[in-house]
C-alpha cells in the first residue's frame, strides 16, 4: 500500500488518471481505462455498477482503501472512483496489488 498511493499521484501528474463517476464510466466504455479503483466505503450500488461494467469490458478492478486515502494520494479531499488510463502505470500498480490482502482485486 505504501508504494501504491504515490504511484496514483504520479499517474495524476502525468495526466494518466481519470476521476469521477461519469468520467471513469466513459473511460471504461471507450476502453481507455486500464485499471479502475473503487473506494471500499463506496455505496454497494456504486461497487456493483463498476464491478459489472469492468467485468463486461474486461477491465481489472480494485475495491478497497477508503475515499479519503484515494483522494489524499491525489492531493484532493475525497475520491470514490479512479481509472488509470496508461498501460505502464496500470501494470506497475497491478504487480503491487496482487500481494495485498486488504483489497479485493478482480482481474
PDB file of N, CA and C in Angstrom:
ATOM      1  N   UNK A   1       0.824  -1.181   0.000  1.00  0.00           N
ATOM      2  CA  UNK A   1       0.000   0.000   0.000  1.00  0.00           C
ATOM      3  C   UNK A   1       0.871   1.250   0.000  1.00  0.00           C
ATOM      4  N   UNK A   2       2.014   1.184   0.649  1.00  0.00           N
ATOM      5  CA  UNK A   2       2.861   2.365   0.758  1.00  0.00           C
ATOM      6  C   UNK A   2       3.355   2.842  -0.609  1.00  0.00           C
ATOM      7  N   UNK A   3       3.548   1.942  -1.558  1.00  0.00           N
ATOM      8  CA  UNK A   3       4.007   2.335  -2.884  1.00  0.00           C
ATOM      9  C   UNK A   3       2.857   2.752  -3.792  1.00  0.00           C
ATOM     10  N   UNK A   4       1.684   2.213  -3.559  1.00  0.00           N
ATOM     11  CA  UNK A   4       0.558   2.436  -4.461  1.00  0.00           C
ATOM     12  C   UNK A   4       0.062   3.879  -4.446  1.00  0.00           C
ATOM     13  N   UNK A   5      -0.045   4.488  -3.291  1.00  0.00           N
ATOM     14  CA  UNK A   5      -0.575   5.849  -3.210  1.00  0.00           C
ATOM     15  C   UNK A   5       0.305   6.866  -3.945  1.00  0.00           C
ATOM     16  N   UNK A   6       1.630   6.827  -3.778  1.00  0.00           N
ATOM     17  CA  UNK A   6       2.463   7.738  -4.580  1.00  0.00           C
ATOM     18  C   UNK A   6       2.364   7.452  -6.086  1.00  0.00           C
ATOM     19  N   UNK A   7       2.169   6.189  -6.445  1.00  0.00           N
ATOM     20  CA  UNK A   7       2.026   5.844  -7.861  1.00  0.00           C
ATOM     21  C   UNK A   7       0.759   6.462  -8.449  1.00  0.00           C
ATOM     22  N   UNK A   8      -0.312   6.498  -7.657  1.00  0.00           N
ATOM     23  CA  UNK A   8      -1.537   7.149  -8.116  1.00  0.00           C
ATOM     24  C   UNK A   8      -1.311   8.646  -8.329  1.00  0.00           C
ATOM     25  N   UNK A   9      -0.607   9.272  -7.395  1.00  0.00           N
ATOM     26  CA  UNK A   9      -0.296  10.689  -7.536  1.00  0.00           C
ATOM     27  C   UNK A   9       0.567  10.962  -8.758  1.00  0.00           C
ATOM     28  N   UNK A  10       1.518  10.089  -9.015  1.00  0.00           N
ATOM     29  CA  UNK A  10       2.385  10.231 -10.180  1.00  0.00           C
ATOM     30  C   UNK A  10       1.568  10.099 -11.472  1.00  0.00           C
ATOM     31  N   UNK A  11       0.651   9.136 -11.506  1.00  0.00           N
ATOM     32  CA  UNK A  11      -0.208   8.958 -12.687  1.00  0.00           C
ATOM     33  C   UNK A  11      -1.077  10.197 -12.910  1.00  0.00           C
ATOM     34  N   UNK A  12      -1.562  10.805 -11.837  1.00  0.00           N
ATOM     35  CA  UNK A  12      -2.382  12.015 -11.961  1.00  0.00           C
ATOM     36  C   UNK A  12      -1.552  13.154 -12.553  1.00  0.00           C
ATOM     37  N   UNK A  13      -0.352  13.335 -12.037  1.00  0.00           N
ATOM     38  CA  UNK A  13       0.511  14.406 -12.533  1.00  0.00           C
ATOM     39  C   UNK A  13       0.908  14.179 -13.991  1.00  0.00           C
ATOM     40  N   UNK A  14       0.964  12.921 -14.403  1.00  0.00           N
ATOM     41  CA  UNK A  14       1.304  12.601 -15.792  1.00  0.00           C
ATOM     42  C   UNK A  14       0.089  12.697 -16.717  1.00  0.00           C
ATOM     43  N   UNK A  15      -1.093  12.949 -16.136  1.00  0.00           N
ATOM     44  CA  UNK A  15      -2.309  13.050 -16.942  1.00  0.00           C
ATOM     45  C   UNK A  15      -2.866  11.708 -17.361  1.00  0.00           C
ATOM     46  N   UNK A  16      -2.525  10.670 -16.629  1.00  0.00           N
ATOM     47  CA  UNK A  16      -2.945   9.310 -16.970  1.00  0.00           C
ATOM     48  C   UNK A  16      -3.974   8.755 -15.987  1.00  0.00           C
ATOM     49  N   UNK A  17      -4.728   9.650 -15.341  1.00  0.00           N
ATOM     50  CA  UNK A  17      -5.708   9.239 -14.343  1.00  0.00           C
ATOM     51  C   UNK A  17      -7.000  10.002 -14.577  1.00  0.00           C
ATOM     52  N   UNK A  18      -8.121   9.290 -14.520  1.00  0.00           N
ATOM     53  CA  UNK A  18      -9.444   9.886 -14.680  1.00  0.00           C
ATOM     54  C   UNK A  18     -10.173   9.725 -13.355  1.00  0.00           C
ATOM     55  N   UNK A  19     -10.848  10.782 -12.896  1.00  0.00           N
ATOM     56  CA  UNK A  19     -11.580  10.723 -11.635  1.00  0.00           C
ATOM     57  C   UNK A  19     -13.050  11.058 -11.863  1.00  0.00           C
ATOM     58  N   UNK A  20     -13.862  10.616 -10.939  1.00  0.00           N
ATOM     59  CA  UNK A  20     -15.286  10.915 -11.011  1.00  0.00           C
ATOM     60  C   UNK A  20     -16.065   9.796 -11.668  1.00  0.00           C
ATOM     61  N   UNK A  21     -17.262   9.604 -11.172  1.00  0.00           N
ATOM     62  CA  UNK A  21     -18.129   8.512 -11.597  1.00  0.00           C
ATOM     63  C   UNK A  21     -18.359   8.489 -13.114  1.00  0.00           C
ATOM     64  N   UNK A  22     -18.849   9.579 -13.663  1.00  0.00           N
ATOM     65  CA  UNK A  22     -19.173   9.619 -15.089  1.00  0.00           C
ATOM     66  C   UNK A  22     -17.933   9.537 -15.978  1.00  0.00           C
ATOM     67  N   UNK A  23     -16.864  10.230 -15.602  1.00  0.00           N
ATOM     68  CA  UNK A  23     -15.635  10.201 -16.403  1.00  0.00           C
ATOM     69  C   UNK A  23     -15.012   8.813 -16.425  1.00  0.00           C
ATOM     70  N   UNK A  24     -15.029   8.133 -15.279  1.00  0.00           N
ATOM     71  CA  UNK A  24     -14.473   6.776 -15.223  1.00  0.00           C
ATOM     72  C   UNK A  24     -15.339   5.828 -16.041  1.00  0.00           C
ATOM     73  N   UNK A  25     -16.658   5.964 -15.943  1.00  0.00           N
ATOM     74  CA  UNK A  25     -17.561   5.098 -16.713  1.00  0.00           C
ATOM     75  C   UNK A  25     -17.333   5.310 -18.211  1.00  0.00           C
ATOM     76  N   UNK A  26     -17.125   6.547 -18.624  1.00  0.00           N
ATOM     77  CA  UNK A  26     -16.857   6.849 -20.031  1.00  0.00           C
ATOM     78  C   UNK A  26     -15.528   6.219 -20.469  1.00  0.00           C
ATOM     79  N   UNK A  27     -14.515   6.272 -19.603  1.00  0.00           N
ATOM     80  CA  UNK A  27     -13.212   5.676 -19.920  1.00  0.00           C
ATOM     81  C   UNK A  27     -13.308   4.162 -20.044  1.00  0.00           C
ATOM     82  N   UNK A  28     -14.123   3.535 -19.203  1.00  0.00           N
ATOM     83  CA  UNK A  28     -14.312   2.080 -19.289  1.00  0.00           C
ATOM     84  C   UNK A  28     -15.011   1.727 -20.595  1.00  0.00           C
ATOM     85  N   UNK A  29     -16.078   2.448 -20.911  1.00  0.00           N
ATOM     86  CA  UNK A  29     -16.835   2.157 -22.138  1.00  0.00           C
ATOM     87  C   UNK A  29     -16.007   2.383 -23.402  1.00  0.00           C
ATOM     88  N   UNK A  30     -15.139   3.385 -23.378  1.00  0.00           N
ATOM     89  CA  UNK A  30     -14.318   3.675 -24.561  1.00  0.00           C
ATOM     90  C   UNK A  30     -13.026   2.857 -24.581  1.00  0.00           C
ATOM     91  N   UNK A  31     -12.884   1.972 -23.613  1.00  0.00           N
ATOM     92  CA  UNK A  31     -11.740   1.063 -23.499  1.00  0.00           C
ATOM     93  C   UNK A  31     -10.421   1.799 -23.286  1.00  0.00           C
ATOM     94  N   UNK A  32     -10.483   2.979 -22.655  1.00  0.00           N
ATOM     95  CA  UNK A  32      -9.272   3.708 -22.296  1.00  0.00           C
ATOM     96  C   UNK A  32      -8.793   3.323 -20.907  1.00  0.00           C
ATOM     97  N   UNK A  33      -9.701   2.880 -20.046  1.00  0.00           N
ATOM     98  CA  UNK A  33      -9.348   2.520 -18.673  1.00  0.00           C
ATOM     99  C   UNK A  33      -8.567   1.213 -18.668  1.00  0.00           C
ATOM    100  N   UNK A  34      -7.450   1.207 -17.954  1.00  0.00           N
ATOM    101  CA  UNK A  34      -6.617   0.009 -17.825  1.00  0.00           C
ATOM    102  C   UNK A  34      -6.746  -0.616 -16.441  1.00  0.00           C
ATOM    103  N   UNK A  35      -7.143   0.197 -15.452  1.00  0.00           N
ATOM    104  CA  UNK A  35      -7.300  -0.270 -14.079  1.00  0.00           C
ATOM    105  C   UNK A  35      -8.239   0.707 -13.380  1.00  0.00           C
ATOM    106  N   UNK A  36      -9.249   0.173 -12.694  1.00  0.00           N
ATOM    107  CA  UNK A  36     -10.235   1.013 -12.009  1.00  0.00           C
ATOM    108  C   UNK A  36     -10.153   0.759 -10.513  1.00  0.00           C
ATOM    109  N   UNK A  37     -10.193   1.838  -9.735  1.00  0.00           N
ATOM    110  CA  UNK A  37     -10.228   1.769  -8.276  1.00  0.00           C
ATOM    111  C   UNK A  37     -11.575   2.280  -7.792  1.00  0.00           C
ATOM    112  N   UNK A  38     -12.214   1.532  -6.895  1.00  0.00           N
ATOM    113  CA  UNK A  38     -13.440   1.970  -6.230  1.00  0.00           C
ATOM    114  C   UNK A  38     -13.169   1.903  -4.732  1.00  0.00           C
ATOM    115  N   UNK A  39     -13.483   2.967  -4.029  1.00  0.00           N
ATOM    116  CA  UNK A  39     -13.245   3.020  -2.583  1.00  0.00           C
ATOM    117  C   UNK A  39     -14.058   1.936  -1.879  1.00  0.00           C
ATOM    118  N   UNK A  40     -13.461   1.346  -0.867  1.00  0.00           N
ATOM    119  CA  UNK A  40     -14.140   0.309  -0.101  1.00  0.00           C
ATOM    120  C   UNK A  40     -15.346   0.825   0.656  1.00  0.00           C
ATOM    121  N   UNK A  41     -15.379   2.133   0.948  1.00  0.00           N
ATOM    122  CA  UNK A  41     -16.522   2.704   1.653  1.00  0.00           C
ATOM    123  C   UNK A  41     -17.532   3.346   0.702  1.00  0.00           C
ATOM    124  N   UNK A  42     -17.428   3.028  -0.590  1.00  0.00           N
ATOM    125  CA  UNK A  42     -18.424   3.479  -1.568  1.00  0.00           C
ATOM    126  C   UNK A  42     -19.722   2.703  -1.340  1.00  0.00           C
ATOM    127  N   UNK A  43     -20.807   3.205  -1.887  1.00  0.00           N
ATOM    128  CA  UNK A  43     -22.092   2.514  -1.722  1.00  0.00           C
ATOM    129  C   UNK A  43     -22.067   1.172  -2.455  1.00  0.00           C
ATOM    130  N   UNK A  44     -22.887   0.261  -1.999  1.00  0.00           N
ATOM    131  CA  UNK A  44     -22.962  -1.059  -2.636  1.00  0.00           C
ATOM    132  C   UNK A  44     -23.407  -0.931  -4.089  1.00  0.00           C
ATOM    133  N   UNK A  45     -24.274   0.040  -4.364  1.00  0.00           N
ATOM    134  CA  UNK A  45     -24.739   0.275  -5.731  1.00  0.00           C
ATOM    135  C   UNK A  45     -23.572   0.684  -6.636  1.00  0.00           C
ATOM    136  N   UNK A  46     -22.716   1.569  -6.151  1.00  0.00           N
ATOM    137  CA  UNK A  46     -21.554   2.005  -6.930  1.00  0.00           C
ATOM    138  C   UNK A  46     -20.603   0.843  -7.163  1.00  0.00           C
ATOM    139  N   UNK A  47     -20.346   0.057  -6.124  1.00  0.00           N
ATOM    140  CA  UNK A  47     -19.460  -1.098  -6.278  1.00  0.00           C
ATOM    141  C   UNK A  47     -20.006  -2.071  -7.314  1.00  0.00           C
ATOM    142  N   UNK A  48     -21.292  -2.355  -7.235  1.00  0.00           N
ATOM    143  CA  UNK A  48     -21.906  -3.296  -8.169  1.00  0.00           C
ATOM    144  C   UNK A  48     -21.870  -2.760  -9.597  1.00  0.00           C
ATOM    145  N   UNK A  49     -22.166  -1.479  -9.761  1.00  0.00           N
ATOM    146  CA  UNK A  49     -22.173  -0.868 -11.090  1.00  0.00           C
ATOM    147  C   UNK A  49     -20.801  -0.999 -11.750  1.00  0.00           C
ATOM    148  N   UNK A  50     -19.743  -0.675 -11.014  1.00  0.00           N
ATOM    149  CA  UNK A  50     -18.407  -0.755 -11.599  1.00  0.00           C
ATOM    150  C   UNK A  50     -17.912  -2.188 -11.708  1.00  0.00           C
ATOM    151  N   UNK A  51     -18.305  -3.053 -10.781  1.00  0.00           N
ATOM    152  CA  UNK A  51     -17.928  -4.462 -10.878  1.00  0.00           C
ATOM    153  C   UNK A  51     -18.507  -5.058 -12.160  1.00  0.00           C
ATOM    154  N   UNK A  52     -19.787  -4.784 -12.417  1.00  0.00           N
ATOM    155  CA  UNK A  52     -20.439  -5.322 -13.615  1.00  0.00           C
ATOM    156  C   UNK A  52     -19.865  -4.730 -14.892  1.00  0.00           C
ATOM    157  N   UNK A  53     -19.664  -3.404 -14.925  1.00  0.00           N
ATOM    158  CA  UNK A  53     -19.173  -2.744 -16.129  1.00  0.00           C
ATOM    159  C   UNK A  53     -17.733  -3.166 -16.428  1.00  0.00           C
ATOM    160  N   UNK A  54     -16.893  -3.219 -15.408  1.00  0.00           N
ATOM    161  CA  UNK A  54     -15.496  -3.635 -15.618  1.00  0.00           C
ATOM    162  C   UNK A  54     -15.418  -5.089 -16.059  1.00  0.00           C
ATOM    163  N   UNK A  55     -16.298  -5.919 -15.521  1.00  0.00           N
ATOM    164  CA  UNK A  55     -16.334  -7.322 -15.919  1.00  0.00           C
ATOM    165  C   UNK A  55     -16.718  -7.458 -17.384  1.00  0.00           C
ATOM    166  N   UNK A  56     -17.722  -6.718 -17.832  1.00  0.00           N
ATOM    167  CA  UNK A  56     -18.158  -6.849 -19.223  1.00  0.00           C
ATOM    168  C   UNK A  56     -17.151  -6.256 -20.212  1.00  0.00           C
ATOM    169  N   UNK A  57     -16.337  -5.293 -19.782  1.00  0.00           N
ATOM    170  CA  UNK A  57     -15.320  -4.704 -20.665  1.00  0.00           C
ATOM    171  C   UNK A  57     -13.908  -5.238 -20.370  1.00  0.00           C
ATOM    172  N   UNK A  58     -13.796  -6.232 -19.508  1.00  0.00           N
ATOM    173  CA  UNK A  58     -12.517  -6.870 -19.149  1.00  0.00           C
ATOM    174  C   UNK A  58     -11.477  -5.878 -18.646  1.00  0.00           C
ATOM    175  N   UNK A  59     -11.904  -5.015 -17.719  1.00  0.00           N
ATOM    176  CA  UNK A  59     -11.007  -4.042 -17.099  1.00  0.00           C
ATOM    177  C   UNK A  59     -10.755  -4.497 -15.665  1.00  0.00           C
ATOM    178  N   UNK A  60      -9.496  -4.645 -15.246  1.00  0.00           N
ATOM    179  CA  UNK A  60      -9.218  -5.014 -13.855  1.00  0.00           C
ATOM    180  C   UNK A  60      -9.785  -3.976 -12.888  1.00  0.00           C
ATOM    181  N   UNK A  61     -10.306  -4.460 -11.766  1.00  0.00           N
ATOM    182  CA  UNK A  61     -10.972  -3.607 -10.782  1.00  0.00           C
ATOM    183  C   UNK A  61     -10.391  -3.853  -9.406  1.00  0.00           C
ATOM    184  N   UNK A  62     -10.204  -2.776  -8.655  1.00  0.00           N
ATOM    185  CA  UNK A  62      -9.730  -2.855  -7.278  1.00  0.00           C
ATOM    186  C   UNK A  62     -10.788  -2.199  -6.398  1.00  0.00           C
ATOM    187  N   UNK A  63     -11.286  -2.955  -5.426  1.00  0.00           N
ATOM    188  CA  UNK A  63     -12.214  -2.393  -4.445  1.00  0.00           C
ATOM    189  C   UNK A  63     -11.504  -2.451  -3.108  1.00  0.00           C
ATOM    190  N   UNK A  64     -11.252  -1.284  -2.535  1.00  0.00           N
ATOM    191  CA  UNK A  64     -10.542  -1.232  -1.269  1.00  0.00           C
ATOM    192  C   UNK A  64     -10.105   0.174  -0.946  1.00  0.00           C
ATOM    193  N   UNK A  65      -9.320   0.298   0.087  1.00  0.00           N
ATOM    194  CA  UNK A  65      -8.898   1.585   0.617  1.00  0.00           C
ATOM    195  C   UNK A  65     -10.149   2.365   1.032  1.00  0.00           C
ATOM    196  N   UNK A  66     -10.032   3.618   1.302  1.00  0.00           N
ATOM    197  CA  UNK A  66     -11.223   4.424   1.560  1.00  0.00           C
ATOM    198  C   UNK A  66     -11.114   5.711   0.765  1.00  0.00           C
ATOM    199  N   UNK A  67     -12.214   6.437   0.706  1.00  0.00           N
ATOM    200  CA  UNK A  67     -12.270   7.614  -0.166  1.00  0.00           C
ATOM    201  C   UNK A  67     -11.273   8.699   0.225  1.00  0.00           C
ATOM    202  N   UNK A  68     -10.989   8.850   1.515  1.00  0.00           N
ATOM    203  CA  UNK A  68     -10.019   9.869   1.924  1.00  0.00           C
ATOM    204  C   UNK A  68      -8.594   9.452   1.553  1.00  0.00           C
ATOM    205  N   UNK A  69      -8.310   8.166   1.605  1.00  0.00           N
ATOM    206  CA  UNK A  69      -6.985   7.682   1.224  1.00  0.00           C
ATOM    207  C   UNK A  69      -6.762   7.851  -0.279  1.00  0.00           C
ATOM    208  N   UNK A  70      -7.774   7.496  -1.080  1.00  0.00           N
ATOM    209  CA  UNK A  70      -7.652   7.665  -2.531  1.00  0.00           C
ATOM    210  C   UNK A  70      -7.536   9.142  -2.891  1.00  0.00           C
ATOM    211  N   UNK A  71      -8.354   9.974  -2.276  1.00  0.00           N
ATOM    212  CA  UNK A  71      -8.290  11.414  -2.538  1.00  0.00           C
ATOM    213  C   UNK A  71      -6.980  12.017  -2.079  1.00  0.00           C
ATOM    214  N   UNK A  72      -6.498  11.601  -0.921  1.00  0.00           N
ATOM    215  CA  UNK A  72      -5.247  12.110  -0.388  1.00  0.00           C
ATOM    216  C   UNK A  72      -4.067  11.810  -1.288  1.00  0.00           C
ATOM    217  N   UNK A  73      -4.102  10.679  -1.959  1.00  0.00           N
ATOM    218  CA  UNK A  73      -2.999  10.331  -2.865  1.00  0.00           C
ATOM    219  C   UNK A  73      -2.960  11.260  -4.082  1.00  0.00           C
ATOM    220  N   UNK A  74      -4.089  11.923  -4.346  1.00  0.00           N
ATOM    221  CA  UNK A  74      -4.173  12.834  -5.490  1.00  0.00           C
ATOM    222  C   UNK A  74      -4.118  14.295  -5.083  1.00  0.00           C
ATOM    223  N   UNK A  75      -4.007  14.540  -3.775  1.00  0.00           N
ATOM    224  CA  UNK A  75      -3.988  15.907  -3.294  1.00  0.00           C
ATOM    225  C   UNK A  75      -5.376  16.515  -3.219  1.00  0.00           C
ATOM    226  N   UNK A  76      -6.400  15.679  -3.129  1.00  0.00           N
ATOM    227  CA  UNK A  76      -7.787  16.137  -3.027  1.00  0.00           C
ATOM    228  C   UNK A  76      -8.375  15.607  -1.730  1.00  0.00           C
ATOM    229  N   UNK A  77      -9.552  16.095  -1.390  1.00  0.00           N
ATOM    230  CA  UNK A  77     -10.179  15.674  -0.136  1.00  0.00           C
ATOM    231  C   UNK A  77     -10.644  14.218  -0.198  1.00  0.00           C
ATOM    232  N   UNK A  78     -11.513  13.893  -1.136  1.00  0.00           N
ATOM    233  CA  UNK A  78     -12.057  12.543  -1.245  1.00  0.00           C
ATOM    234  C   UNK A  78     -12.254  12.173  -2.708  1.00  0.00           C
ATOM    235  N   UNK A  79     -12.020  10.911  -3.025  1.00  0.00           N
ATOM    236  CA  UNK A  79     -12.309  10.364  -4.345  1.00  0.00           C
ATOM    237  C   UNK A  79     -12.869   8.967  -4.155  1.00  0.00           C
ATOM    238  N   UNK A  80     -13.964   8.676  -4.827  1.00  0.00           N
ATOM    239  CA  UNK A  80     -14.599   7.366  -4.697  1.00  0.00           C
ATOM    240  C   UNK A  80     -14.190   6.446  -5.848  1.00  0.00           C
ATOM    241  N   UNK A  81     -14.049   6.996  -7.051  1.00  0.00           N
ATOM    242  CA  UNK A  81     -13.752   6.185  -8.238  1.00  0.00           C
ATOM    243  C   UNK A  81     -12.613   6.821  -9.031  1.00  0.00           C
ATOM    244  N   UNK A  82     -11.639   5.993  -9.418  1.00  0.00           N
ATOM    245  CA  UNK A  82     -10.494   6.431 -10.222  1.00  0.00           C
ATOM    246  C   UNK A  82     -10.250   5.414 -11.328  1.00  0.00           C
ATOM    247  N   UNK A  83      -9.711   5.877 -12.440  1.00  0.00           N
ATOM    248  CA  UNK A  83      -9.304   4.961 -13.509  1.00  0.00           C
ATOM    249  C   UNK A  83      -7.929   5.364 -14.015  1.00  0.00           C
ATOM    250  N   UNK A  84      -7.038   4.401 -14.104  1.00  0.00           N
ATOM    251  CA  UNK A  84      -5.715   4.607 -14.680  1.00  0.00           C
ATOM    252  C   UNK A  84      -5.838   4.306 -16.165  1.00  0.00           C
ATOM    253  N   UNK A  85      -5.372   5.241 -17.010  1.00  0.00           N
ATOM    254  CA  UNK A  85      -5.545   5.077 -18.454  1.00  0.00           C
ATOM    255  C   UNK A  85      -4.259   4.691 -19.182  1.00  0.00           C
ATOM    256  N   UNK A  86      -3.178   4.547 -18.462  1.00  0.00           N
ATOM    257  CA  UNK A  86      -1.902   4.187 -19.077  1.00  0.00           C
ATOM    258  C   UNK A  86      -1.548   2.741 -18.743  1.00  0.00           C
ATOM    259  N   UNK A  87      -1.160   1.999 -19.761  1.00  0.00           N
ATOM    260  CA  UNK A  87      -0.847   0.580 -19.584  1.00  0.00           C
ATOM    261  C   UNK A  87       0.341   0.372 -18.636  1.00  0.00           C
ATOM    262  N   UNK A  88       1.364   1.184 -18.757  1.00  0.00           N
ATOM    263  CA  UNK A  88       2.552   1.046 -17.913  1.00  0.00           C
ATOM    264  C   UNK A  88       2.251   1.299 -16.440  1.00  0.00           C
ATOM    265  N   UNK A  89       1.524   2.373 -16.142  1.00  0.00           N
ATOM    266  CA  UNK A  89       1.136   2.664 -14.761  1.00  0.00           C
ATOM    267  C   UNK A  89       0.247   1.550 -14.210  1.00  0.00           C
ATOM    268  N   UNK A  90      -0.693   1.079 -15.036  1.00  0.00           N
ATOM    269  CA  UNK A  90      -1.607   0.026 -14.585  1.00  0.00           C
ATOM    270  C   UNK A  90      -0.847  -1.251 -14.238  1.00  0.00           C
ATOM    271  N   UNK A  91       0.103  -1.653 -15.082  1.00  0.00           N
ATOM    272  CA  UNK A  91       0.897  -2.855 -14.807  1.00  0.00           C
ATOM    273  C   UNK A  91       1.710  -2.707 -13.532  1.00  0.00           C
ATOM    274  N   UNK A  92       2.318  -1.537 -13.347  1.00  0.00           N
ATOM    275  CA  UNK A  92       3.126  -1.285 -12.164  1.00  0.00           C
ATOM    276  C   UNK A  92       2.260  -1.420 -10.895  1.00  0.00           C
ATOM    277  N   UNK A  93       1.049  -0.872 -10.930  1.00  0.00           N
ATOM    278  CA  UNK A  93       0.163  -0.934  -9.769  1.00  0.00           C
ATOM    279  C   UNK A  93      -0.380  -2.343  -9.547  1.00  0.00           C
ATOM    280  N   UNK A  94      -0.703  -3.045 -10.624  1.00  0.00           N
ATOM    281  CA  UNK A  94      -1.242  -4.396 -10.507  1.00  0.00           C
ATOM    282  C   UNK A  94      -0.240  -5.348  -9.869  1.00  0.00           C
ATOM    283  N   UNK A  95       1.027  -5.197 -10.182  1.00  0.00           N
ATOM    284  CA  UNK A  95       2.047  -6.058  -9.577  1.00  0.00           C
ATOM    285  C   UNK A  95       2.057  -5.918  -8.066  1.00  0.00           C
ATOM    286  N   UNK A  96       1.915  -4.707  -7.562  1.00  0.00           N
ATOM    287  CA  UNK A  96       1.871  -4.491  -6.124  1.00  0.00           C
ATOM    288  C   UNK A  96       0.565  -4.930  -5.497  1.00  0.00           C
ATOM    289  N   UNK A  97      -0.531  -4.837  -6.236  1.00  0.00           N
ATOM    290  CA  UNK A  97      -1.851  -5.170  -5.691  1.00  0.00           C
ATOM    291  C   UNK A  97      -2.037  -6.668  -5.471  1.00  0.00           C
ATOM    292  N   UNK A  98      -1.391  -7.480  -6.260  1.00  0.00           N
ATOM    293  CA  UNK A  98      -1.586  -8.925  -6.170  1.00  0.00           C
ATOM    294  C   UNK A  98      -1.149  -9.485  -4.820  1.00  0.00           C
ATOM    295  N   UNK A  99      -0.280  -8.791  -4.133  1.00  0.00           N
ATOM    296  CA  UNK A  99       0.201  -9.272  -2.833  1.00  0.00           C
ATOM    297  C   UNK A  99      -0.568  -8.668  -1.664  1.00  0.00           C
ATOM    298  N   UNK A 100      -1.469  -7.747  -1.924  1.00  0.00           N
ATOM    299  CA  UNK A 100      -2.221  -7.084  -0.847  1.00  0.00           C
ATOM    300  C   UNK A 100      -3.464  -7.892  -0.480  1.00  0.00           C
ATOM    301  N   UNK A 101      -3.637  -8.124   0.798  1.00  0.00           N
ATOM    302  CA  UNK A 101      -4.801  -8.887   1.246  1.00  0.00           C
ATOM    303  C   UNK A 101      -5.968  -7.990   1.642  1.00  0.00           C
ATOM    304  N   UNK A 102      -5.713  -6.679   1.859  1.00  0.00           N
ATOM    305  CA  UNK A 102      -6.774  -5.802   2.329  1.00  0.00           C
ATOM    306  C   UNK A 102      -7.642  -5.214   1.228  1.00  0.00           C
ATOM    307  N   UNK A 103      -7.374  -5.578  -0.031  1.00  0.00           N
ATOM    308  CA  UNK A 103      -8.191  -5.097  -1.132  1.00  0.00           C
ATOM    309  C   UNK A 103      -8.768  -6.276  -1.915  1.00  0.00           C
ATOM    310  N   UNK A 104      -9.877  -6.027  -2.569  1.00  0.00           N
ATOM    311  CA  UNK A 104     -10.471  -7.006  -3.470  1.00  0.00           C
ATOM    312  C   UNK A 104      -9.983  -6.658  -4.879  1.00  0.00           C
ATOM    313  N   UNK A 105      -9.202  -7.546  -5.451  1.00  0.00           N
ATOM    314  CA  UNK A 105      -8.622  -7.313  -6.771  1.00  0.00           C
ATOM    315  C   UNK A 105      -9.271  -8.284  -7.749  1.00  0.00           C
ATOM    316  N   UNK A 106      -9.956  -7.744  -8.754  1.00  0.00           N
ATOM    317  CA  UNK A 106     -10.644  -8.571  -9.743  1.00  0.00           C
ATOM    318  C   UNK A 106      -9.963  -8.345 -11.076  1.00  0.00           C
ATOM    319  N   UNK A 107      -9.287  -9.366 -11.563  1.00  0.00           N
ATOM    320  CA  UNK A 107      -8.536  -9.246 -12.810  1.00  0.00           C
ATOM    321  C   UNK A 107      -9.386  -9.641 -13.988  1.00  0.00           C
TER     322      UNK A 107
END
